[in-house]
Amino acid sequence: PVLDWLNELPGLNLVTGNRLRLVVSFALCVLAGLGAEALF
């Protein structure tokens, strides 16, 4: 509810917001790299 308004921005309101899961997935992968760097 607090962030769903992002899907109504121009351009984003014509696409499927569900597929922003790609962005979420990539962010998690980058954070995993940062976590691995901390381990090393």
PDB file of all heavy atoms in Angstrom:
ATOM      1  N   PRO A   1       0.801  -1.232   0.000  1.00  0.00           N
ATOM      2  CA  PRO A   1       0.000   0.000   0.000  1.00  0.00           C
ATOM      3  C   PRO A   1       0.833   1.280   0.000  1.00  0.00           C
ATOM      4  O   PRO A   1       0.491   2.240  -0.682  1.00  0.00           O
ATOM      5  CB  PRO A   1      -0.829  -0.130   1.278  1.00  0.00           C
ATOM      6  CG  PRO A   1      -0.948  -1.597   1.508  1.00  0.00           C
ATOM      7  CD  PRO A   1       0.359  -2.181   1.051  1.00  0.00           C
ATOM      8  N   VAL A   2       1.922   1.319   0.739  1.00  0.00           N
ATOM      9  CA  VAL A   2       2.696   2.552   0.853  1.00  0.00           C
ATOM     10  C   VAL A   2       3.471   2.855  -0.422  1.00  0.00           C
ATOM     11  O   VAL A   2       3.731   4.022  -0.737  1.00  0.00           O
ATOM     12  CB  VAL A   2       3.665   2.464   2.057  1.00  0.00           C
ATOM     13  CG1 VAL A   2       4.521   3.716   2.168  1.00  0.00           C
ATOM     14  CG2 VAL A   2       2.877   2.245   3.352  1.00  0.00           C
ATOM     15  N   LEU A   3       3.825   1.807  -1.200  1.00  0.00           N
ATOM     16  CA  LEU A   3       4.704   1.997  -2.354  1.00  0.00           C
ATOM     17  C   LEU A   3       4.053   1.658  -3.688  1.00  0.00           C
ATOM     18  O   LEU A   3       4.684   1.827  -4.733  1.00  0.00           O
ATOM     19  CB  LEU A   3       5.977   1.148  -2.180  1.00  0.00           C
ATOM     20  CG  LEU A   3       6.868   1.532  -0.995  1.00  0.00           C
ATOM     21  CD1 LEU A   3       8.004   0.536  -0.847  1.00  0.00           C
ATOM     22  CD2 LEU A   3       7.423   2.938  -1.183  1.00  0.00           C
ATOM     23  N   ASP A   4       2.813   1.200  -3.685  1.00  0.00           N
ATOM     24  CA  ASP A   4       2.162   0.810  -4.936  1.00  0.00           C
ATOM     25  C   ASP A   4       1.960   1.999  -5.875  1.00  0.00           C
ATOM     26  O   ASP A   4       1.780   1.816  -7.079  1.00  0.00           O
ATOM     27  CB  ASP A   4       0.822   0.134  -4.626  1.00  0.00           C
ATOM     28  CG  ASP A   4       0.231  -0.570  -5.837  1.00  0.00           C
ATOM     29  OD1 ASP A   4       1.011  -1.073  -6.669  1.00  0.00           O
ATOM     30  OD2 ASP A   4      -1.006  -0.598  -5.962  1.00  0.00           O
ATOM     31  N   TRP A   5       2.003   3.204  -5.330  1.00  0.00           N
ATOM     32  CA  TRP A   5       1.824   4.395  -6.174  1.00  0.00           C
ATOM     33  C   TRP A   5       2.917   4.511  -7.228  1.00  0.00           C
ATOM     34  O   TRP A   5       2.728   5.168  -8.262  1.00  0.00           O
ATOM     35  CB  TRP A   5       1.788   5.663  -5.321  1.00  0.00           C
ATOM     36  CG  TRP A   5       3.057   5.901  -4.554  1.00  0.00           C
ATOM     37  CD1 TRP A   5       3.341   5.479  -3.298  1.00  0.00           C
ATOM     38  CD2 TRP A   5       4.210   6.621  -5.007  1.00  0.00           C
ATOM     39  NE1 TRP A   5       4.599   5.868  -2.920  1.00  0.00           N
ATOM     40  CE2 TRP A   5       5.160   6.579  -3.957  1.00  0.00           C
ATOM     41  CE3 TRP A   5       4.551   7.285  -6.183  1.00  0.00           C
ATOM     42  CZ2 TRP A   5       6.415   7.168  -4.064  1.00  0.00           C
ATOM     43  CZ3 TRP A   5       5.797   7.875  -6.295  1.00  0.00           C
ATOM     44  CH2 TRP A   5       6.716   7.821  -5.242  1.00  0.00           C
ATOM     45  N   LEU A   6       4.081   3.864  -6.995  1.00  0.00           N
ATOM     46  CA  LEU A   6       5.153   3.899  -7.996  1.00  0.00           C
ATOM     47  C   LEU A   6       4.687   3.306  -9.321  1.00  0.00           C
ATOM     48  O   LEU A   6       5.146   3.723 -10.394  1.00  0.00           O
ATOM     49  CB  LEU A   6       6.373   3.134  -7.482  1.00  0.00           C
ATOM     50  CG  LEU A   6       7.151   3.778  -6.332  1.00  0.00           C
ATOM     51  CD1 LEU A   6       8.168   2.798  -5.765  1.00  0.00           C
ATOM     52  CD2 LEU A   6       7.846   5.051  -6.807  1.00  0.00           C
ATOM     53  N   ASN A   7       3.770   2.352  -9.263  1.00  0.00           N
ATOM     54  CA  ASN A   7       3.270   1.726 -10.486  1.00  0.00           C
ATOM     55  C   ASN A   7       2.354   2.638 -11.286  1.00  0.00           C
ATOM     56  O   ASN A   7       1.974   2.297 -12.409  1.00  0.00           O
ATOM     57  CB  ASN A   7       2.518   0.433 -10.139  1.00  0.00           C
ATOM     58  CG  ASN A   7       3.440  -0.644  -9.608  1.00  0.00           C
ATOM     59  OD1 ASN A   7       4.438  -0.979 -10.229  1.00  0.00           O
ATOM     60  ND2 ASN A   7       3.101  -1.187  -8.441  1.00  0.00           N
ATOM     61  N   GLU A   8       1.985   3.776 -10.723  1.00  0.00           N
ATOM     62  CA  GLU A   8       1.123   4.729 -11.433  1.00  0.00           C
ATOM     63  C   GLU A   8       1.909   5.877 -12.048  1.00  0.00           C
ATOM     64  O   GLU A   8       1.319   6.795 -12.633  1.00  0.00           O
ATOM     65  CB  GLU A   8       0.063   5.288 -10.472  1.00  0.00           C
ATOM     66  CG  GLU A   8      -0.865   4.226  -9.899  1.00  0.00           C
ATOM     67  CD  GLU A   8      -1.574   3.439 -10.981  1.00  0.00           C
ATOM     68  OE1 GLU A   8      -1.986   4.047 -11.989  1.00  0.00           O
ATOM     69  OE2 GLU A   8      -1.699   2.206 -10.822  1.00  0.00           O
ATOM     70  N   LEU A   9       3.240   5.841 -11.931  1.00  0.00           N
ATOM     71  CA  LEU A   9       4.050   6.868 -12.569  1.00  0.00           C
ATOM     72  C   LEU A   9       3.972   6.721 -14.087  1.00  0.00           C
ATOM     73  O   LEU A   9       3.742   5.621 -14.604  1.00  0.00           O
ATOM     74  CB  LEU A   9       5.501   6.756 -12.106  1.00  0.00           C
ATOM     75  CG  LEU A   9       5.770   7.071 -10.622  1.00  0.00           C
ATOM     76  CD1 LEU A   9       7.229   6.808 -10.273  1.00  0.00           C
ATOM     77  CD2 LEU A   9       5.395   8.517 -10.304  1.00  0.00           C
ATOM     78  N   PRO A  10       4.138   7.823 -14.839  1.00  0.00           N
ATOM     79  CA  PRO A  10       4.081   7.733 -16.311  1.00  0.00           C
ATOM     80  C   PRO A  10       5.042   6.678 -16.846  1.00  0.00           C
ATOM     81  O   PRO A  10       6.205   6.631 -16.454  1.00  0.00           O
ATOM     82  CB  PRO A  10       4.494   9.147 -16.751  1.00  0.00           C
ATOM     83  CG  PRO A  10       4.118  10.025 -15.599  1.00  0.00           C
ATOM     84  CD  PRO A  10       4.360   9.206 -14.364  1.00  0.00           C
ATOM     85  N   GLY A  11       4.561   5.842 -17.732  1.00  0.00           N
ATOM     86  CA  GLY A  11       5.361   4.744 -18.263  1.00  0.00           C
ATOM     87  C   GLY A  11       5.149   3.479 -17.469  1.00  0.00           C
ATOM     88  O   GLY A  11       4.769   2.439 -18.014  1.00  0.00           O
ATOM     89  N   LEU A  12       5.365   3.557 -16.167  1.00  0.00           N
ATOM     90  CA  LEU A  12       5.152   2.379 -15.318  1.00  0.00           C
ATOM     91  C   LEU A  12       3.684   1.992 -15.236  1.00  0.00           C
ATOM     92  O   LEU A  12       3.357   0.838 -14.950  1.00  0.00           O
ATOM     93  CB  LEU A  12       5.704   2.630 -13.913  1.00  0.00           C
ATOM     94  CG  LEU A  12       7.222   2.718 -13.779  1.00  0.00           C
ATOM     95  CD1 LEU A  12       7.603   3.068 -12.355  1.00  0.00           C
ATOM     96  CD2 LEU A  12       7.884   1.419 -14.193  1.00  0.00           C
ATOM     97  N   ASN A  13       2.785   2.969 -15.483  1.00  0.00           N
ATOM     98  CA  ASN A  13       1.354   2.647 -15.394  1.00  0.00           C
ATOM     99  C   ASN A  13       0.852   1.861 -16.605  1.00  0.00           C
ATOM    100  O   ASN A  13      -0.306   1.448 -16.638  1.00  0.00           O
ATOM    101  CB  ASN A  13       0.531   3.932 -15.218  1.00  0.00           C
ATOM    102  CG  ASN A  13       0.733   4.914 -16.361  1.00  0.00           C
ATOM    103  OD1 ASN A  13       1.493   4.672 -17.297  1.00  0.00           O
ATOM    104  ND2 ASN A  13       0.069   6.048 -16.277  1.00  0.00           N
ATOM    105  N   LEU A  14       1.719   1.636 -17.595  1.00  0.00           N
ATOM    106  CA  LEU A  14       1.336   0.851 -18.762  1.00  0.00           C
ATOM    107  C   LEU A  14       1.985  -0.530 -18.766  1.00  0.00           C
ATOM    108  O   LEU A  14       1.756  -1.312 -19.695  1.00  0.00           O
ATOM    109  CB  LEU A  14       1.713   1.594 -20.057  1.00  0.00           C
ATOM    110  CG  LEU A  14       0.955   2.911 -20.317  1.00  0.00           C
ATOM    111  CD1 LEU A  14       1.491   3.573 -21.578  1.00  0.00           C
ATOM    112  CD2 LEU A  14      -0.539   2.653 -20.458  1.00  0.00           C
ATOM    113  N   VAL A  15       2.802  -0.819 -17.768  1.00  0.00           N
ATOM    114  CA  VAL A  15       3.487  -2.107 -17.721  1.00  0.00           C
ATOM    115  C   VAL A  15       2.999  -2.900 -16.510  1.00  0.00           C
ATOM    116  O   VAL A  15       2.283  -2.382 -15.658  1.00  0.00           O
ATOM    117  CB  VAL A  15       5.022  -1.928 -17.664  1.00  0.00           C
ATOM    118  CG1 VAL A  15       5.504  -1.105 -18.836  1.00  0.00           C
ATOM    119  CG2 VAL A  15       5.464  -1.271 -16.356  1.00  0.00           C
ATOM    120  N   THR A  16       3.401  -4.157 -16.457  1.00  0.00           N
ATOM    121  CA  THR A  16       2.974  -5.036 -15.372  1.00  0.00           C
ATOM    122  C   THR A  16       3.913  -4.869 -14.186  1.00  0.00           C
ATOM    123  O   THR A  16       5.086  -5.246 -14.265  1.00  0.00           O
ATOM    124  CB  THR A  16       2.972  -6.506 -15.843  1.00  0.00           C
ATOM    125  OG1 THR A  16       2.150  -6.617 -17.003  1.00  0.00           O
ATOM    126  CG2 THR A  16       2.442  -7.417 -14.752  1.00  0.00           C
ATOM    127  N   GLY A  17       3.395  -4.315 -13.101  1.00  0.00           N
ATOM    128  CA  GLY A  17       4.234  -4.063 -11.939  1.00  0.00           C
ATOM    129  C   GLY A  17       4.822  -5.322 -11.339  1.00  0.00           C
ATOM    130  O   GLY A  17       5.905  -5.287 -10.738  1.00  0.00           O
ATOM    131  N   ASN A  18       4.147  -6.471 -11.533  1.00  0.00           N
ATOM    132  CA  ASN A  18       4.660  -7.728 -10.990  1.00  0.00           C
ATOM    133  C   ASN A  18       6.078  -8.008 -11.468  1.00  0.00           C
ATOM    134  O   ASN A  18       6.882  -8.611 -10.754  1.00  0.00           O
ATOM    135  CB  ASN A  18       3.786  -8.913 -11.415  1.00  0.00           C
ATOM    136  CG  ASN A  18       2.317  -8.688 -11.154  1.00  0.00           C
ATOM    137  OD1 ASN A  18       1.938  -7.830 -10.373  1.00  0.00           O
ATOM    138  ND2 ASN A  18       1.470  -9.464 -11.808  1.00  0.00           N
ATOM    139  N   ARG A  19       6.382  -7.592 -12.700  1.00  0.00           N
ATOM    140  CA  ARG A  19       7.666  -7.944 -13.304  1.00  0.00           C
ATOM    141  C   ARG A  19       8.824  -7.111 -12.783  1.00  0.00           C
ATOM    142  O   ARG A  19       9.965  -7.307 -13.202  1.00  0.00           O
ATOM    143  CB  ARG A  19       7.560  -7.841 -14.826  1.00  0.00           C
ATOM    144  CG  ARG A  19       6.644  -8.927 -15.392  1.00  0.00           C
ATOM    145  CD  ARG A  19       6.443  -8.809 -16.875  1.00  0.00           C
ATOM    146  NE  ARG A  19       5.567  -9.871 -17.354  1.00  0.00           N
ATOM    147  CZ  ARG A  19       5.038  -9.891 -18.575  1.00  0.00           C
ATOM    148  NH1 ARG A  19       5.283  -8.900 -19.427  1.00  0.00           N
ATOM    149  NH2 ARG A  19       4.262 -10.894 -18.948  1.00  0.00           N
ATOM    150  N   LEU A  20       8.521  -6.193 -11.881  1.00  0.00           N
ATOM    151  CA  LEU A  20       9.617  -5.534 -11.170  1.00  0.00           C
ATOM    152  C   LEU A  20      10.343  -6.518 -10.260  1.00  0.00           C
ATOM    153  O   LEU A  20      11.334  -6.171  -9.629  1.00  0.00           O
ATOM    154  CB  LEU A  20       9.089  -4.357 -10.356  1.00  0.00           C
ATOM    155  CG  LEU A  20       8.780  -3.087 -11.154  1.00  0.00           C
ATOM    156  CD1 LEU A  20       8.025  -2.084 -10.294  1.00  0.00           C
ATOM    157  CD2 LEU A  20      10.064  -2.470 -11.684  1.00  0.00           C
ATOM    158  N   ARG A  21       9.860  -7.754 -10.214  1.00  0.00           N
ATOM    159  CA  ARG A  21      10.586  -8.803  -9.509  1.00  0.00           C
ATOM    160  C   ARG A  21      11.985  -8.977 -10.089  1.00  0.00           C
ATOM    161  O   ARG A  21      12.910  -9.415  -9.392  1.00  0.00           O
ATOM    162  CB  ARG A  21       9.811 -10.120  -9.591  1.00  0.00           C
ATOM    163  CG  ARG A  21       8.623 -10.188  -8.629  1.00  0.00           C
ATOM    164  CD  ARG A  21       7.739 -11.382  -8.957  1.00  0.00           C
ATOM    165  NE  ARG A  21       6.804 -11.693  -7.886  1.00  0.00           N
ATOM    166  CZ  ARG A  21       5.695 -11.028  -7.631  1.00  0.00           C
ATOM    167  NH1 ARG A  21       5.380  -9.982  -8.377  1.00  0.00           N
ATOM    168  NH2 ARG A  21       4.894 -11.401  -6.642  1.00  0.00           N
ATOM    169  N   LEU A  22      12.167  -8.678 -11.366  1.00  0.00           N
ATOM    170  CA  LEU A  22      13.512  -8.693 -11.951  1.00  0.00           C
ATOM    171  C   LEU A  22      14.425  -7.746 -11.201  1.00  0.00           C
ATOM    172  O   LEU A  22      15.571  -8.088 -10.860  1.00  0.00           O
ATOM    173  CB  LEU A  22      13.438  -8.292 -13.433  1.00  0.00           C
ATOM    174  CG  LEU A  22      14.764  -7.883 -14.086  1.00  0.00           C
ATOM    175  CD1 LEU A  22      15.733  -9.055 -14.129  1.00  0.00           C
ATOM    176  CD2 LEU A  22      14.533  -7.307 -15.471  1.00  0.00           C
ATOM    177  N   VAL A  23      13.943  -6.538 -10.929  1.00  0.00           N
ATOM    178  CA  VAL A  23      14.728  -5.533 -10.216  1.00  0.00           C
ATOM    179  C   VAL A  23      15.033  -6.008  -8.797  1.00  0.00           C
ATOM    180  O   VAL A  23      16.160  -5.871  -8.303  1.00  0.00           O
ATOM    181  CB  VAL A  23      13.979  -4.191 -10.207  1.00  0.00           C
ATOM    182  CG1 VAL A  23      14.693  -3.169  -9.344  1.00  0.00           C
ATOM    183  CG2 VAL A  23      13.805  -3.668 -11.636  1.00  0.00           C
ATOM    184  N   VAL A  24      14.029  -6.590  -8.145  1.00  0.00           N
ATOM    185  CA  VAL A  24      14.227  -7.112  -6.795  1.00  0.00           C
ATOM    186  C   VAL A  24      15.279  -8.212  -6.801  1.00  0.00           C
ATOM    187  O   VAL A  24      16.179  -8.251  -5.954  1.00  0.00           O
ATOM    188  CB  VAL A  24      12.900  -7.639  -6.219  1.00  0.00           C
ATOM    189  CG1 VAL A  24      13.111  -8.263  -4.851  1.00  0.00           C
ATOM    190  CG2 VAL A  24      11.871  -6.520  -6.143  1.00  0.00           C
ATOM    191  N   SER A  25      15.183  -9.117  -7.779  1.00  0.00           N
ATOM    192  CA  SER A  25      16.138 -10.222  -7.878  1.00  0.00           C
ATOM    193  C   SER A  25      17.562  -9.698  -8.068  1.00  0.00           C
ATOM    194  O   SER A  25      18.499 -10.175  -7.415  1.00  0.00           O
ATOM    195  CB  SER A  25      15.765 -11.136  -9.046  1.00  0.00           C
ATOM    196  OG  SER A  25      14.482 -11.701  -8.871  1.00  0.00           O
ATOM    197  N   PHE A  26      17.709  -8.723  -8.943  1.00  0.00           N
ATOM    198  CA  PHE A  26      19.059  -8.207  -9.205  1.00  0.00           C
ATOM    199  C   PHE A  26      19.615  -7.491  -7.980  1.00  0.00           C
ATOM    200  O   PHE A  26      20.805  -7.622  -7.657  1.00  0.00           O
ATOM    201  CB  PHE A  26      19.045  -7.261 -10.406  1.00  0.00           C
ATOM    202  CG  PHE A  26      20.425  -6.824 -10.825  1.00  0.00           C
ATOM    203  CD1 PHE A  26      21.292  -7.716 -11.420  1.00  0.00           C
ATOM    204  CD2 PHE A  26      20.850  -5.523 -10.606  1.00  0.00           C
ATOM    205  CE1 PHE A  26      22.572  -7.320 -11.799  1.00  0.00           C
ATOM    206  CE2 PHE A  26      22.125  -5.123 -10.970  1.00  0.00           C
ATOM    207  CZ  PHE A  26      22.981  -6.025 -11.575  1.00  0.00           C
ATOM    208  N   ALA A  27      18.775  -6.744  -7.279  1.00  0.00           N
ATOM    209  CA  ALA A  27      19.224  -6.068  -6.060  1.00  0.00           C
ATOM    210  C   ALA A  27      19.706  -7.083  -5.024  1.00  0.00           C
ATOM    211  O   ALA A  27      20.737  -6.878  -4.359  1.00  0.00           O
ATOM    212  CB  ALA A  27      18.104  -5.205  -5.486  1.00  0.00           C
ATOM    213  N   LEU A  28      19.003  -8.198  -4.887  1.00  0.00           N
ATOM    214  CA  LEU A  28      19.418  -9.237  -3.949  1.00  0.00           C
ATOM    215  C   LEU A  28      20.749  -9.854  -4.370  1.00  0.00           C
ATOM    216  O   LEU A  28      21.595 -10.169  -3.521  1.00  0.00           O
ATOM    217  CB  LEU A  28      18.343 -10.321  -3.852  1.00  0.00           C
ATOM    218  CG  LEU A  28      17.058  -9.932  -3.123  1.00  0.00           C
ATOM    219  CD1 LEU A  28      16.002 -11.020  -3.287  1.00  0.00           C
ATOM    220  CD2 LEU A  28      17.332  -9.689  -1.639  1.00  0.00           C
ATOM    221  N   CYS A  29      20.950 -10.025  -5.674  1.00  0.00           N
ATOM    222  CA  CYS A  29      22.215 -10.586  -6.155  1.00  0.00           C
ATOM    223  C   CYS A  29      23.383  -9.648  -5.853  1.00  0.00           C
ATOM    224  O   CYS A  29      24.471 -10.101  -5.464  1.00  0.00           O
ATOM    225  CB  CYS A  29      22.129 -10.861  -7.654  1.00  0.00           C
ATOM    226  SG  CYS A  29      20.975 -12.178  -8.099  1.00  0.00           S
ATOM    227  N   VAL A  30      23.172  -8.345  -6.044  1.00  0.00           N
ATOM    228  CA  VAL A  30      24.239  -7.389  -5.735  1.00  0.00           C
ATOM    229  C   VAL A  30      24.528  -7.383  -4.238  1.00  0.00           C
ATOM    230  O   VAL A  30      25.693  -7.362  -3.807  1.00  0.00           O
ATOM    231  CB  VAL A  30      23.865  -5.978  -6.227  1.00  0.00           C
ATOM    232  CG1 VAL A  30      24.962  -4.982  -5.850  1.00  0.00           C
ATOM    233  CG2 VAL A  30      23.650  -5.973  -7.732  1.00  0.00           C
ATOM    234  N   LEU A  31      23.489  -7.394  -3.428  1.00  0.00           N
ATOM    235  CA  LEU A  31      23.693  -7.447  -1.974  1.00  0.00           C
ATOM    236  C   LEU A  31      24.399  -8.732  -1.571  1.00  0.00           C
ATOM    237  O   LEU A  31      25.201  -8.745  -0.626  1.00  0.00           O
ATOM    238  CB  LEU A  31      22.354  -7.322  -1.259  1.00  0.00           C
ATOM    239  CG  LEU A  31      21.703  -5.931  -1.306  1.00  0.00           C
ATOM    240  CD1 LEU A  31      20.286  -5.985  -0.741  1.00  0.00           C
ATOM    241  CD2 LEU A  31      22.545  -4.912  -0.536  1.00  0.00           C
ATOM    242  N   ALA A  32      24.136  -9.828  -2.285  1.00  0.00           N
ATOM    243  CA  ALA A  32      24.849 -11.076  -2.012  1.00  0.00           C
ATOM    244  C   ALA A  32      26.337 -10.913  -2.309  1.00  0.00           C
ATOM    245  O   ALA A  32      27.188 -11.426  -1.573  1.00  0.00           O
ATOM    246  CB  ALA A  32      24.268 -12.214  -2.843  1.00  0.00           C
ATOM    247  N   GLY A  33      26.651 -10.196  -3.375  1.00  0.00           N
ATOM    248  CA  GLY A  33      28.056  -9.925  -3.665  1.00  0.00           C
ATOM    249  C   GLY A  33      28.706  -9.110  -2.559  1.00  0.00           C
ATOM    250  O   GLY A  33      29.852  -9.365  -2.168  1.00  0.00           O
ATOM    251  N   LEU A  34      27.955  -8.136  -2.039  1.00  0.00           N
ATOM    252  CA  LEU A  34      28.472  -7.329  -0.930  1.00  0.00           C
ATOM    253  C   LEU A  34      28.665  -8.195   0.309  1.00  0.00           C
ATOM    254  O   LEU A  34      29.659  -8.061   1.031  1.00  0.00           O
ATOM    255  CB  LEU A  34      27.503  -6.185  -0.638  1.00  0.00           C
ATOM    256  CG  LEU A  34      27.869  -5.254   0.524  1.00  0.00           C
ATOM    257  CD1 LEU A  34      29.209  -4.570   0.269  1.00  0.00           C
ATOM    258  CD2 LEU A  34      26.769  -4.214   0.726  1.00  0.00           C
ATOM    259  N   GLY A  35      27.725  -9.107   0.563  1.00  0.00           N
ATOM    260  CA  GLY A  35      27.878 -10.003   1.699  1.00  0.00           C
ATOM    261  C   GLY A  35      29.064 -10.920   1.541  1.00  0.00           C
ATOM    262  O   GLY A  35      29.810 -11.180   2.505  1.00  0.00           O
ATOM    263  N   ALA A  36      29.287 -11.434   0.328  1.00  0.00           N
ATOM    264  CA  ALA A  36      30.456 -12.277   0.080  1.00  0.00           C
ATOM    265  C   ALA A  36      31.745 -11.489   0.267  1.00  0.00           C
ATOM    266  O   ALA A  36      32.735 -11.996   0.802  1.00  0.00           O
ATOM    267  CB  ALA A  36      30.380 -12.848  -1.337  1.00  0.00           C
ATOM    268  N   GLU A  37      31.741 -10.242  -0.163  1.00  0.00           N
ATOM    269  CA  GLU A  37      32.924  -9.391   0.020  1.00  0.00           C
ATOM    270  C   GLU A  37      33.231  -9.217   1.503  1.00  0.00           C
ATOM    271  O   GLU A  37      34.407  -9.219   1.910  1.00  0.00           O
ATOM    272  CB  GLU A  37      32.687  -8.034  -0.647  1.00  0.00           C
ATOM    273  CG  GLU A  37      33.810  -7.022  -0.472  1.00  0.00           C
ATOM    274  CD  GLU A  37      35.095  -7.420  -1.168  1.00  0.00           C
ATOM    275  OE1 GLU A  37      35.070  -8.335  -2.019  1.00  0.00           O
ATOM    276  OE2 GLU A  37      36.139  -6.818  -0.858  1.00  0.00           O
ATOM    277  N   ALA A  38      32.185  -9.087   2.325  1.00  0.00           N
ATOM    278  CA  ALA A  38      32.409  -8.972   3.769  1.00  0.00           C
ATOM    279  C   ALA A  38      33.033 -10.243   4.324  1.00  0.00           C
ATOM    280  O   ALA A  38      33.907 -10.196   5.200  1.00  0.00           O
ATOM    281  CB  ALA A  38      31.080  -8.678   4.471  1.00  0.00           C
ATOM    282  N   LEU A  39      32.616 -11.390   3.786  1.00  0.00           N
ATOM    283  CA  LEU A  39      33.178 -12.653   4.259  1.00  0.00           C
ATOM    284  C   LEU A  39      34.646 -12.793   3.885  1.00  0.00           C
ATOM    285  O   LEU A  39      35.435 -13.388   4.618  1.00  0.00           O
ATOM    286  CB  LEU A  39      32.389 -13.831   3.679  1.00  0.00           C
ATOM    287  CG  LEU A  39      30.975 -14.049   4.210  1.00  0.00           C
ATOM    288  CD1 LEU A  39      30.314 -15.197   3.473  1.00  0.00           C
ATOM    289  CD2 LEU A  39      31.003 -14.340   5.696  1.00  0.00           C
ATOM    290  N   PHE A  40      34.989 -12.251   2.722  1.00  0.00           N
ATOM    291  CA  PHE A  40      36.358 -12.379   2.248  1.00  0.00           C
ATOM    292  C   PHE A  40      37.265 -11.237   2.708  1.00  0.00           C
ATOM    293  O   PHE A  40      38.432 -11.168   2.320  1.00  0.00           O
ATOM    294  CB  PHE A  40      36.372 -12.437   0.711  1.00  0.00           C
ATOM    295  CG  PHE A  40      35.629 -13.611   0.149  1.00  0.00           C
ATOM    296  CD1 PHE A  40      34.721 -13.452  -0.891  1.00  0.00           C
ATOM    297  CD2 PHE A  40      35.830 -14.875   0.668  1.00  0.00           C
ATOM    298  CE1 PHE A  40      34.027 -14.535  -1.405  1.00  0.00           C
ATOM    299  CE2 PHE A  40      35.144 -15.971   0.156  1.00  0.00           C
ATOM    300  CZ  PHE A  40      34.241 -15.798  -0.889  1.00  0.00           C
TER     301      PHE A  40
END
